[in-house]
Amino acid sequence: MKRILLSAFVLLVVFASASELRAEPAAKELIEQAEAKRKEAAAIGFEWRETASLIKSARAALESGQEAEAVNFAGQALQEGEQALAQGKYMQQNWESLVPKP
């Protein structure tokens, strides 16, 4: 029984340490993905107003050691970038249907 508990404890420590080690790269990766989506949306003229400030907040949180906050901000920015890109693509394909007819 002691051996099982010791094994479980060791596994718990290993997985907890591994998740902490992945937190910063995950935040950095999310920030990079969000920045790429922001640039894509900006290239077609549909960058949303808050996306850049969310990315800036994510970078600041990461620099101050708040990985969870950085992931949160970067995730929001990535979602906004994806939505802005989808909006831009939709408008490129459907703009004519939105123009009032005489």
PDB file of N, CA and C in Angstrom:
ATOM      1  N   MET A   1       0.819  -1.188   0.000  1.00  0.00           N
ATOM      2  CA  MET A   1       0.000   0.000   0.000  1.00  0.00           C
ATOM      3  C   MET A   1       0.866   1.257   0.000  1.00  0.00           C
ATOM      4  N   LYS A   2       1.936   1.229   0.829  1.00  0.00           N
ATOM      5  CA  LYS A   2       2.829   2.382   0.874  1.00  0.00           C
ATOM      6  C   LYS A   2       3.499   2.599  -0.478  1.00  0.00           C
ATOM      7  N   ARG A   3       3.808   1.513  -1.128  1.00  0.00           N
ATOM      8  CA  ARG A   3       4.472   1.595  -2.432  1.00  0.00           C
ATOM      9  C   ARG A   3       3.551   2.246  -3.467  1.00  0.00           C
ATOM     10  N   ILE A   4       2.277   1.906  -3.433  1.00  0.00           N
ATOM     11  CA  ILE A   4       1.300   2.489  -4.360  1.00  0.00           C
ATOM     12  C   ILE A   4       1.145   3.982  -4.087  1.00  0.00           C
ATOM     13  N   LEU A   5       1.033   4.346  -2.811  1.00  0.00           N
ATOM     14  CA  LEU A   5       0.903   5.758  -2.461  1.00  0.00           C
ATOM     15  C   LEU A   5       2.147   6.544  -2.860  1.00  0.00           C
ATOM     16  N   LEU A   6       3.312   5.961  -2.646  1.00  0.00           N
ATOM     17  CA  LEU A   6       4.552   6.627  -3.029  1.00  0.00           C
ATOM     18  C   LEU A   6       4.625   6.802  -4.540  1.00  0.00           C
ATOM     19  N   SER A   7       4.235   5.783  -5.277  1.00  0.00           N
ATOM     20  CA  SER A   7       4.228   5.878  -6.741  1.00  0.00           C
ATOM     21  C   SER A   7       3.253   6.951  -7.215  1.00  0.00           C
ATOM     22  N   ALA A   8       2.086   6.994  -6.605  1.00  0.00           N
ATOM     23  CA  ALA A   8       1.090   8.004  -6.972  1.00  0.00           C
ATOM     24  C   ALA A   8       1.610   9.404  -6.674  1.00  0.00           C
ATOM     25  N   PHE A   9       2.271   9.565  -5.539  1.00  0.00           N
ATOM     26  CA  PHE A   9       2.829  10.864  -5.180  1.00  0.00           C
ATOM     27  C   PHE A   9       3.912  11.290  -6.163  1.00  0.00           C
ATOM     28  N   VAL A  10       4.781  10.379  -6.518  1.00  0.00           N
ATOM     29  CA  VAL A  10       5.850  10.685  -7.475  1.00  0.00           C
ATOM     30  C   VAL A  10       5.255  11.095  -8.822  1.00  0.00           C
ATOM     31  N   LEU A  11       4.260  10.367  -9.285  1.00  0.00           N
ATOM     32  CA  LEU A  11       3.609  10.723 -10.548  1.00  0.00           C
ATOM     33  C   LEU A  11       2.955  12.093 -10.470  1.00  0.00           C
ATOM     34  N   LEU A  12       2.328  12.385  -9.360  1.00  0.00           N
ATOM     35  CA  LEU A  12       1.689  13.683  -9.175  1.00  0.00           C
ATOM     36  C   LEU A  12       2.713  14.812  -9.244  1.00  0.00           C
ATOM     37  N   VAL A  13       3.833  14.635  -8.581  1.00  0.00           N
ATOM     38  CA  VAL A  13       4.885  15.654  -8.595  1.00  0.00           C
ATOM     39  C   VAL A  13       5.452  15.823 -10.002  1.00  0.00           C
ATOM     40  N   VAL A  14       5.677  14.732 -10.691  1.00  0.00           N
ATOM     41  CA  VAL A  14       6.227  14.797 -12.050  1.00  0.00           C
ATOM     42  C   VAL A  14       5.274  15.522 -12.984  1.00  0.00           C
ATOM     43  N   PHE A  15       3.990  15.170 -12.950  1.00  0.00           N
ATOM     44  CA  PHE A  15       3.024  15.815 -13.841  1.00  0.00           C
ATOM     45  C   PHE A  15       2.803  17.272 -13.476  1.00  0.00           C
ATOM     46  N   ALA A  16       2.810  17.596 -12.196  1.00  0.00           N
ATOM     47  CA  ALA A  16       2.646  18.991 -11.781  1.00  0.00           C
ATOM     48  C   ALA A  16       3.831  19.821 -12.256  1.00  0.00           C
ATOM     49  N   SER A  17       5.026  19.280 -12.137  1.00  0.00           N
ATOM     50  CA  SER A  17       6.215  19.995 -12.601  1.00  0.00           C
ATOM     51  C   SER A  17       6.194  20.163 -14.109  1.00  0.00           C
ATOM     52  N   ALA A  18       5.780  19.142 -14.810  1.00  0.00           N
ATOM     53  CA  ALA A  18       5.734  19.213 -16.272  1.00  0.00           C
ATOM     54  C   ALA A  18       4.728  20.252 -16.733  1.00  0.00           C
ATOM     55  N   SER A  19       3.589  20.349 -16.072  1.00  0.00           N
ATOM     56  CA  SER A  19       2.593  21.337 -16.494  1.00  0.00           C
ATOM     57  C   SER A  19       3.086  22.749 -16.220  1.00  0.00           C
ATOM     58  N   GLU A  20       3.838  22.955 -15.146  1.00  0.00           N
ATOM     59  CA  GLU A  20       4.402  24.274 -14.881  1.00  0.00           C
ATOM     60  C   GLU A  20       5.459  24.631 -15.911  1.00  0.00           C
ATOM     61  N   LEU A  21       6.233  23.667 -16.342  1.00  0.00           N
ATOM     62  CA  LEU A  21       7.257  23.938 -17.343  1.00  0.00           C
ATOM     63  C   LEU A  21       6.645  24.283 -18.689  1.00  0.00           C
ATOM     64  N   ARG A  22       5.471  23.730 -18.987  1.00  0.00           N
ATOM     65  CA  ARG A  22       4.810  23.995 -20.258  1.00  0.00           C
ATOM     66  C   ARG A  22       4.035  25.298 -20.253  1.00  0.00           C
ATOM     67  N   ALA A  23       3.781  25.879 -19.105  1.00  0.00           N
ATOM     68  CA  ALA A  23       2.923  27.062 -19.029  1.00  0.00           C
ATOM     69  C   ALA A  23       3.507  28.225 -19.818  1.00  0.00           C
ATOM     70  N   GLU A  24       4.782  28.512 -19.627  1.00  0.00           N
ATOM     71  CA  GLU A  24       5.371  29.655 -20.322  1.00  0.00           C
ATOM     72  C   GLU A  24       5.427  29.434 -21.825  1.00  0.00           C
ATOM     73  N   PRO A  25       5.931  28.296 -22.322  1.00  0.00           N
ATOM     74  CA  PRO A  25       5.904  28.101 -23.773  1.00  0.00           C
ATOM     75  C   PRO A  25       4.489  28.124 -24.338  1.00  0.00           C
ATOM     76  N   ALA A  26       3.519  27.610 -23.583  1.00  0.00           N
ATOM     77  CA  ALA A  26       2.139  27.642 -24.066  1.00  0.00           C
ATOM     78  C   ALA A  26       1.673  29.082 -24.207  1.00  0.00           C
ATOM     79  N   ALA A  27       2.007  29.924 -23.249  1.00  0.00           N
ATOM     80  CA  ALA A  27       1.628  31.333 -23.321  1.00  0.00           C
ATOM     81  C   ALA A  27       2.334  32.007 -24.491  1.00  0.00           C
ATOM     82  N   LYS A  28       3.618  31.733 -24.650  1.00  0.00           N
ATOM     83  CA  LYS A  28       4.365  32.331 -25.766  1.00  0.00           C
ATOM     84  C   LYS A  28       3.783  31.894 -27.101  1.00  0.00           C
ATOM     85  N   GLU A  29       3.460  30.617 -27.193  1.00  0.00           N
ATOM     86  CA  GLU A  29       2.897  30.091 -28.437  1.00  0.00           C
ATOM     87  C   GLU A  29       1.532  30.718 -28.729  1.00  0.00           C
ATOM     88  N   LEU A  30       0.707  30.855 -27.706  1.00  0.00           N
ATOM     89  CA  LEU A  30      -0.602  31.484 -27.888  1.00  0.00           C
ATOM     90  C   LEU A  30      -0.461  32.943 -28.316  1.00  0.00           C
ATOM     91  N   ILE A  31       0.491  33.637 -27.723  1.00  0.00           N
ATOM     92  CA  ILE A  31       0.727  35.038 -28.094  1.00  0.00           C
ATOM     93  C   ILE A  31       1.147  35.126 -29.553  1.00  0.00           C
ATOM     94  N   GLU A  32       2.036  34.244 -29.974  1.00  0.00           N
ATOM     95  CA  GLU A  32       2.478  34.239 -31.373  1.00  0.00           C
ATOM     96  C   GLU A  32       1.319  33.924 -32.315  1.00  0.00           C
ATOM     97  N   GLN A  33       0.479  32.963 -31.944  1.00  0.00           N
ATOM     98  CA  GLN A  33      -0.677  32.619 -32.773  1.00  0.00           C
ATOM     99  C   GLN A  33      -1.655  33.789 -32.856  1.00  0.00           C
ATOM    100  N   ALA A  34      -1.890  34.445 -31.724  1.00  0.00           N
ATOM    101  CA  ALA A  34      -2.807  35.588 -31.702  1.00  0.00           C
ATOM    102  C   ALA A  34      -2.273  36.723 -32.561  1.00  0.00           C
ATOM    103  N   GLU A  35      -0.977  36.969 -32.482  1.00  0.00           N
ATOM    104  CA  GLU A  35      -0.364  38.027 -33.295  1.00  0.00           C
ATOM    105  C   GLU A  35      -0.478  37.702 -34.778  1.00  0.00           C
ATOM    106  N   ALA A  36      -0.293  36.450 -35.130  1.00  0.00           N
ATOM    107  CA  ALA A  36      -0.413  36.048 -36.538  1.00  0.00           C
ATOM    108  C   ALA A  36      -1.843  36.247 -37.042  1.00  0.00           C
ATOM    109  N   LYS A  37      -2.833  35.862 -36.238  1.00  0.00           N
ATOM    110  CA  LYS A  37      -4.238  36.053 -36.641  1.00  0.00           C
ATOM    111  C   LYS A  37      -4.576  37.536 -36.729  1.00  0.00           C
ATOM    112  N   ARG A  38      -4.045  38.324 -35.793  1.00  0.00           N
ATOM    113  CA  ARG A  38      -4.288  39.764 -35.827  1.00  0.00           C
ATOM    114  C   ARG A  38      -3.764  40.358 -37.122  1.00  0.00           C
ATOM    115  N   LYS A  39      -2.560  39.945 -37.513  1.00  0.00           N
ATOM    116  CA  LYS A  39      -1.961  40.451 -38.750  1.00  0.00           C
ATOM    117  C   LYS A  39      -2.751  40.007 -39.978  1.00  0.00           C
ATOM    118  N   GLU A  40      -3.240  38.768 -39.957  1.00  0.00           N
ATOM    119  CA  GLU A  40      -4.060  38.285 -41.080  1.00  0.00           C
ATOM    120  C   GLU A  40      -5.326  39.119 -41.216  1.00  0.00           C
ATOM    121  N   ALA A  41      -5.978  39.377 -40.090  1.00  0.00           N
ATOM    122  CA  ALA A  41      -7.209  40.173 -40.115  1.00  0.00           C
ATOM    123  C   ALA A  41      -6.914  41.607 -40.555  1.00  0.00           C
ATOM    124  N   ALA A  42      -5.801  42.153 -40.097  1.00  0.00           N
ATOM    125  CA  ALA A  42      -5.430  43.517 -40.488  1.00  0.00           C
ATOM    126  C   ALA A  42      -5.132  43.596 -41.980  1.00  0.00           C
ATOM    127  N   ALA A  43      -4.560  42.541 -42.524  1.00  0.00           N
ATOM    128  CA  ALA A  43      -4.209  42.535 -43.948  1.00  0.00           C
ATOM    129  C   ALA A  43      -5.442  42.638 -44.843  1.00  0.00           C
ATOM    130  N   ILE A  44      -6.581  42.158 -44.358  1.00  0.00           N
ATOM    131  CA  ILE A  44      -7.801  42.268 -45.172  1.00  0.00           C
ATOM    132  C   ILE A  44      -8.713  43.387 -44.665  1.00  0.00           C
ATOM    133  N   GLY A  45      -8.192  44.191 -43.730  1.00  0.00           N
ATOM    134  CA  GLY A  45      -8.921  45.367 -43.273  1.00  0.00           C
ATOM    135  C   GLY A  45      -9.946  45.125 -42.190  1.00  0.00           C
ATOM    136  N   PHE A  46      -9.795  44.040 -41.437  1.00  0.00           N
ATOM    137  CA  PHE A  46     -10.793  43.724 -40.418  1.00  0.00           C
ATOM    138  C   PHE A  46     -10.186  43.456 -39.041  1.00  0.00           C
ATOM    139  N   GLU A  47      -9.100  44.130 -38.715  1.00  0.00           N
ATOM    140  CA  GLU A  47      -8.528  43.973 -37.380  1.00  0.00           C
ATOM    141  C   GLU A  47      -9.470  44.598 -36.354  1.00  0.00           C
ATOM    142  N   TRP A  48      -9.729  43.882 -35.285  1.00  0.00           N
ATOM    143  CA  TRP A  48     -10.596  44.411 -34.238  1.00  0.00           C
ATOM    144  C   TRP A  48      -9.789  45.289 -33.293  1.00  0.00           C
ATOM    145  N   ARG A  49     -10.449  46.245 -32.698  1.00  0.00           N
ATOM    146  CA  ARG A  49      -9.825  47.274 -31.876  1.00  0.00           C
ATOM    147  C   ARG A  49      -9.072  46.713 -30.667  1.00  0.00           C
ATOM    148  N   GLU A  50      -9.615  45.740 -29.977  1.00  0.00           N
ATOM    149  CA  GLU A  50      -9.045  45.274 -28.710  1.00  0.00           C
ATOM    150  C   GLU A  50      -7.977  44.192 -28.843  1.00  0.00           C
ATOM    151  N   THR A  51      -7.840  43.610 -30.005  1.00  0.00           N
ATOM    152  CA  THR A  51      -6.937  42.467 -30.154  1.00  0.00           C
ATOM    153  C   THR A  51      -5.501  42.827 -29.801  1.00  0.00           C
ATOM    154  N   ALA A  52      -5.009  43.944 -30.329  1.00  0.00           N
ATOM    155  CA  ALA A  52      -3.623  44.344 -30.057  1.00  0.00           C
ATOM    156  C   ALA A  52      -3.404  44.629 -28.576  1.00  0.00           C
ATOM    157  N   SER A  53      -4.383  45.243 -27.909  1.00  0.00           N
ATOM    158  CA  SER A  53      -4.204  45.533 -26.483  1.00  0.00           C
ATOM    159  C   SER A  53      -4.244  44.253 -25.645  1.00  0.00           C
ATOM    160  N   LEU A  54      -5.021  43.261 -26.080  1.00  0.00           N
ATOM    161  CA  LEU A  54      -5.013  41.972 -25.381  1.00  0.00           C
ATOM    162  C   LEU A  54      -3.659  41.284 -25.528  1.00  0.00           C
ATOM    163  N   ILE A  55      -3.077  41.376 -26.713  1.00  0.00           N
ATOM    164  CA  ILE A  55      -1.750  40.789 -26.934  1.00  0.00           C
ATOM    165  C   ILE A  55      -0.715  41.506 -26.074  1.00  0.00           C
ATOM    166  N   LYS A  56      -0.818  42.817 -26.010  1.00  0.00           N
ATOM    167  CA  LYS A  56       0.103  43.601 -25.178  1.00  0.00           C
ATOM    168  C   LYS A  56      -0.041  43.204 -23.709  1.00  0.00           C
ATOM    169  N   SER A  57      -1.270  43.027 -23.248  1.00  0.00           N
ATOM    170  CA  SER A  57      -1.509  42.604 -21.864  1.00  0.00           C
ATOM    171  C   SER A  57      -0.960  41.202 -21.614  1.00  0.00           C
ATOM    172  N   ALA A  58      -1.095  40.322 -22.603  1.00  0.00           N
ATOM    173  CA  ALA A  58      -0.563  38.961 -22.466  1.00  0.00           C
ATOM    174  C   ALA A  58       0.955  38.988 -22.334  1.00  0.00           C
ATOM    175  N   ARG A  59       1.599  39.806 -23.152  1.00  0.00           N
ATOM    176  CA  ARG A  59       3.069  39.905 -23.066  1.00  0.00           C
ATOM    177  C   ARG A  59       3.502  40.465 -21.714  1.00  0.00           C
ATOM    178  N   ALA A  60       2.802  41.490 -21.234  1.00  0.00           N
ATOM    179  CA  ALA A  60       3.141  42.088 -19.940  1.00  0.00           C
ATOM    180  C   ALA A  60       2.946  41.078 -18.810  1.00  0.00           C
ATOM    181  N   ALA A  61       1.869  40.323 -18.864  1.00  0.00           N
ATOM    182  CA  ALA A  61       1.619  39.314 -17.831  1.00  0.00           C
ATOM    183  C   ALA A  61       2.694  38.235 -17.857  1.00  0.00           C
ATOM    184  N   LEU A  62       3.100  37.819 -19.046  1.00  0.00           N
ATOM    185  CA  LEU A  62       4.138  36.796 -19.160  1.00  0.00           C
ATOM    186  C   LEU A  62       5.465  37.307 -18.609  1.00  0.00           C
ATOM    187  N   GLU A  63       5.802  38.553 -18.919  1.00  0.00           N
ATOM    188  CA  GLU A  63       7.060  39.129 -18.423  1.00  0.00           C
ATOM    189  C   GLU A  63       7.069  39.261 -16.904  1.00  0.00           C
ATOM    190  N   SER A  64       5.892  39.481 -16.306  1.00  0.00           N
ATOM    191  CA  SER A  64       5.828  39.616 -14.852  1.00  0.00           C
ATOM    192  C   SER A  64       5.622  38.275 -14.148  1.00  0.00           C
ATOM    193  N   GLY A  65       5.659  37.182 -14.926  1.00  0.00           N
ATOM    194  CA  GLY A  65       5.581  35.854 -14.336  1.00  0.00           C
ATOM    195  C   GLY A  65       4.177  35.332 -14.102  1.00  0.00           C
ATOM    196  N   GLN A  66       3.182  35.991 -14.629  1.00  0.00           N
ATOM    197  CA  GLN A  66       1.793  35.562 -14.454  1.00  0.00           C
ATOM    198  C   GLN A  66       1.355  34.775 -15.684  1.00  0.00           C
ATOM    199  N   GLU A  67       1.806  33.528 -15.762  1.00  0.00           N
ATOM    200  CA  GLU A  67       1.555  32.709 -16.942  1.00  0.00           C
ATOM    201  C   GLU A  67       0.068  32.466 -17.187  1.00  0.00           C
ATOM    202  N   ALA A  68      -0.684  32.227 -16.122  1.00  0.00           N
ATOM    203  CA  ALA A  68      -2.117  31.963 -16.287  1.00  0.00           C
ATOM    204  C   ALA A  68      -2.828  33.173 -16.885  1.00  0.00           C
ATOM    205  N   GLU A  69      -2.472  34.359 -16.408  1.00  0.00           N
ATOM    206  CA  GLU A  69      -3.059  35.584 -16.962  1.00  0.00           C
ATOM    207  C   GLU A  69      -2.635  35.772 -18.413  1.00  0.00           C
ATOM    208  N   ALA A  70      -1.380  35.463 -18.704  1.00  0.00           N
ATOM    209  CA  ALA A  70      -0.884  35.590 -20.075  1.00  0.00           C
ATOM    210  C   ALA A  70      -1.646  34.662 -21.010  1.00  0.00           C
ATOM    211  N   VAL A  71      -1.872  33.442 -20.569  1.00  0.00           N
ATOM    212  CA  VAL A  71      -2.629  32.482 -21.376  1.00  0.00           C
ATOM    213  C   VAL A  71      -4.060  32.978 -21.575  1.00  0.00           C
ATOM    214  N   ASN A  72      -4.651  33.528 -20.530  1.00  0.00           N
ATOM    215  CA  ASN A  72      -6.015  34.046 -20.619  1.00  0.00           C
ATOM    216  C   ASN A  72      -6.100  35.185 -21.648  1.00  0.00           C
ATOM    217  N   PHE A  73      -5.228  36.176 -21.523  1.00  0.00           N
ATOM    218  CA  PHE A  73      -5.239  37.305 -22.459  1.00  0.00           C
ATOM    219  C   PHE A  73      -4.939  36.852 -23.885  1.00  0.00           C
ATOM    220  N   ALA A  74      -3.942  35.988 -24.028  1.00  0.00           N
ATOM    221  CA  ALA A  74      -3.570  35.519 -25.366  1.00  0.00           C
ATOM    222  C   ALA A  74      -4.691  34.696 -25.988  1.00  0.00           C
ATOM    223  N   GLY A  75      -5.368  33.897 -25.181  1.00  0.00           N
ATOM    224  CA  GLY A  75      -6.499  33.118 -25.686  1.00  0.00           C
ATOM    225  C   GLY A  75      -7.629  34.010 -26.174  1.00  0.00           C
ATOM    226  N   GLN A  76      -7.909  35.069 -25.423  1.00  0.00           N
ATOM    227  CA  GLN A  76      -8.933  36.027 -25.848  1.00  0.00           C
ATOM    228  C   GLN A  76      -8.518  36.713 -27.147  1.00  0.00           C
ATOM    229  N   ALA A  77      -7.247  37.102 -27.230  1.00  0.00           N
ATOM    230  CA  ALA A  77      -6.754  37.766 -28.434  1.00  0.00           C
ATOM    231  C   ALA A  77      -6.807  36.835 -29.637  1.00  0.00           C
ATOM    232  N   LEU A  78      -6.453  35.576 -29.429  1.00  0.00           N
ATOM    233  CA  LEU A  78      -6.507  34.604 -30.520  1.00  0.00           C
ATOM    234  C   LEU A  78      -7.943  34.424 -31.001  1.00  0.00           C
ATOM    235  N   GLN A  79      -8.866  34.323 -30.067  1.00  0.00           N
ATOM    236  CA  GLN A  79     -10.272  34.169 -30.436  1.00  0.00           C
ATOM    237  C   GLN A  79     -10.758  35.395 -31.209  1.00  0.00           C
ATOM    238  N   GLU A  80     -10.392  36.582 -30.756  1.00  0.00           N
ATOM    239  CA  GLU A  80     -10.779  37.796 -31.478  1.00  0.00           C
ATOM    240  C   GLU A  80     -10.171  37.820 -32.873  1.00  0.00           C
ATOM    241  N   GLY A  81      -8.916  37.424 -32.982  1.00  0.00           N
ATOM    242  CA  GLY A  81      -8.267  37.399 -34.288  1.00  0.00           C
ATOM    243  C   GLY A  81      -8.955  36.445 -35.248  1.00  0.00           C
ATOM    244  N   GLU A  82      -9.325  35.277 -34.742  1.00  0.00           N
ATOM    245  CA  GLU A  82     -10.020  34.295 -35.583  1.00  0.00           C
ATOM    246  C   GLU A  82     -11.395  34.812 -36.004  1.00  0.00           C
ATOM    247  N   GLN A  83     -12.100  35.441 -35.067  1.00  0.00           N
ATOM    248  CA  GLN A  83     -13.426  35.973 -35.386  1.00  0.00           C
ATOM    249  C   GLN A  83     -13.334  37.139 -36.370  1.00  0.00           C
ATOM    250  N   ALA A  84     -12.344  37.996 -36.197  1.00  0.00           N
ATOM    251  CA  ALA A  84     -12.162  39.117 -37.122  1.00  0.00           C
ATOM    252  C   ALA A  84     -11.834  38.610 -38.516  1.00  0.00           C
ATOM    253  N   LEU A  85     -11.002  37.592 -38.586  1.00  0.00           N
ATOM    254  CA  LEU A  85     -10.652  37.004 -39.876  1.00  0.00           C
ATOM    255  C   LEU A  85     -11.881  36.377 -40.532  1.00  0.00           C
ATOM    256  N   ALA A  86     -12.684  35.678 -39.761  1.00  0.00           N
ATOM    257  CA  ALA A  86     -13.916  35.088 -40.293  1.00  0.00           C
ATOM    258  C   ALA A  86     -14.872  36.178 -40.775  1.00  0.00           C
ATOM    259  N   GLN A  87     -14.974  37.257 -40.012  1.00  0.00           N
ATOM    260  CA  GLN A  87     -15.829  38.369 -40.411  1.00  0.00           C
ATOM    261  C   GLN A  87     -15.336  38.974 -41.722  1.00  0.00           C
ATOM    262  N   GLY A  88     -14.037  39.174 -41.821  1.00  0.00           N
ATOM    263  CA  GLY A  88     -13.474  39.742 -43.040  1.00  0.00           C
ATOM    264  C   GLY A  88     -13.713  38.866 -44.255  1.00  0.00           C
ATOM    265  N   LYS A  89     -13.522  37.572 -44.092  1.00  0.00           N
ATOM    266  CA  LYS A  89     -13.752  36.650 -45.212  1.00  0.00           C
ATOM    267  C   LYS A  89     -15.224  36.632 -45.610  1.00  0.00           C
ATOM    268  N   TYR A  90     -16.102  36.658 -44.614  1.00  0.00           N
ATOM    269  CA  TYR A  90     -17.536  36.690 -44.907  1.00  0.00           C
ATOM    270  C   TYR A  90     -17.887  37.954 -45.693  1.00  0.00           C
ATOM    271  N   MET A  91     -17.356  39.081 -45.248  1.00  0.00           N
ATOM    272  CA  MET A  91     -17.665  40.344 -45.918  1.00  0.00           C
ATOM    273  C   MET A  91     -17.105  40.377 -47.340  1.00  0.00           C
ATOM    274  N   GLN A  92     -15.942  39.800 -47.545  1.00  0.00           N
ATOM    275  CA  GLN A  92     -15.380  39.749 -48.896  1.00  0.00           C
ATOM    276  C   GLN A  92     -16.283  38.958 -49.834  1.00  0.00           C
ATOM    277  N   GLN A  93     -16.907  37.925 -49.328  1.00  0.00           N
ATOM    278  CA  GLN A  93     -17.746  37.071 -50.165  1.00  0.00           C
ATOM    279  C   GLN A  93     -19.183  37.576 -50.288  1.00  0.00           C
ATOM    280  N   ASN A  94     -19.657  38.336 -49.309  1.00  0.00           N
ATOM    281  CA  ASN A  94     -21.076  38.683 -49.268  1.00  0.00           C
ATOM    282  C   ASN A  94     -21.366  40.182 -49.243  1.00  0.00           C
ATOM    283  N   TRP A  95     -20.398  41.016 -49.541  1.00  0.00           N
ATOM    284  CA  TRP A  95     -20.619  42.450 -49.414  1.00  0.00           C
ATOM    285  C   TRP A  95     -21.731  42.951 -50.330  1.00  0.00           C
ATOM    286  N   GLU A  96     -21.865  42.347 -51.490  1.00  0.00           N
ATOM    287  CA  GLU A  96     -22.878  42.821 -52.437  1.00  0.00           C
ATOM    288  C   GLU A  96     -24.296  42.649 -51.900  1.00  0.00           C
ATOM    289  N   SER A  97     -24.516  41.600 -51.150  1.00  0.00           N
ATOM    290  CA  SER A  97     -25.863  41.372 -50.613  1.00  0.00           C
ATOM    291  C   SER A  97     -26.215  42.368 -49.508  1.00  0.00           C
ATOM    292  N   LEU A  98     -25.219  43.068 -48.981  1.00  0.00           N
ATOM    293  CA  LEU A  98     -25.460  44.031 -47.911  1.00  0.00           C
ATOM    294  C   LEU A  98     -25.625  45.461 -48.419  1.00  0.00           C
ATOM    295  N   VAL A  99     -25.406  45.676 -49.711  1.00  0.00           N
ATOM    296  CA  VAL A  99     -25.566  47.006 -50.296  1.00  0.00           C
ATOM    297  C   VAL A  99     -27.052  47.221 -50.585  1.00  0.00           C
ATOM    298  N   PRO A 100     -27.611  48.353 -50.130  1.00  0.00           N
ATOM    299  CA  PRO A 100     -29.034  48.609 -50.402  1.00  0.00           C
ATOM    300  C   PRO A 100     -29.301  48.696 -51.904  1.00  0.00           C
ATOM    301  N   LYS A 101     -30.414  48.147 -52.290  1.00  0.00           N
ATOM    302  CA  LYS A 101     -30.795  48.176 -53.700  1.00  0.00           C
ATOM    303  C   LYS A 101     -31.691  49.387 -53.941  1.00  0.00           C
ATOM    304  N   PRO A 102     -31.502  50.060 -55.097  1.00  0.00           N
ATOM    305  CA  PRO A 102     -32.311  51.257 -55.379  1.00  0.00           C
ATOM    306  C   PRO A 102     -33.763  50.939 -55.647  1.00  0.00           C
TER     307      PRO A 102
END
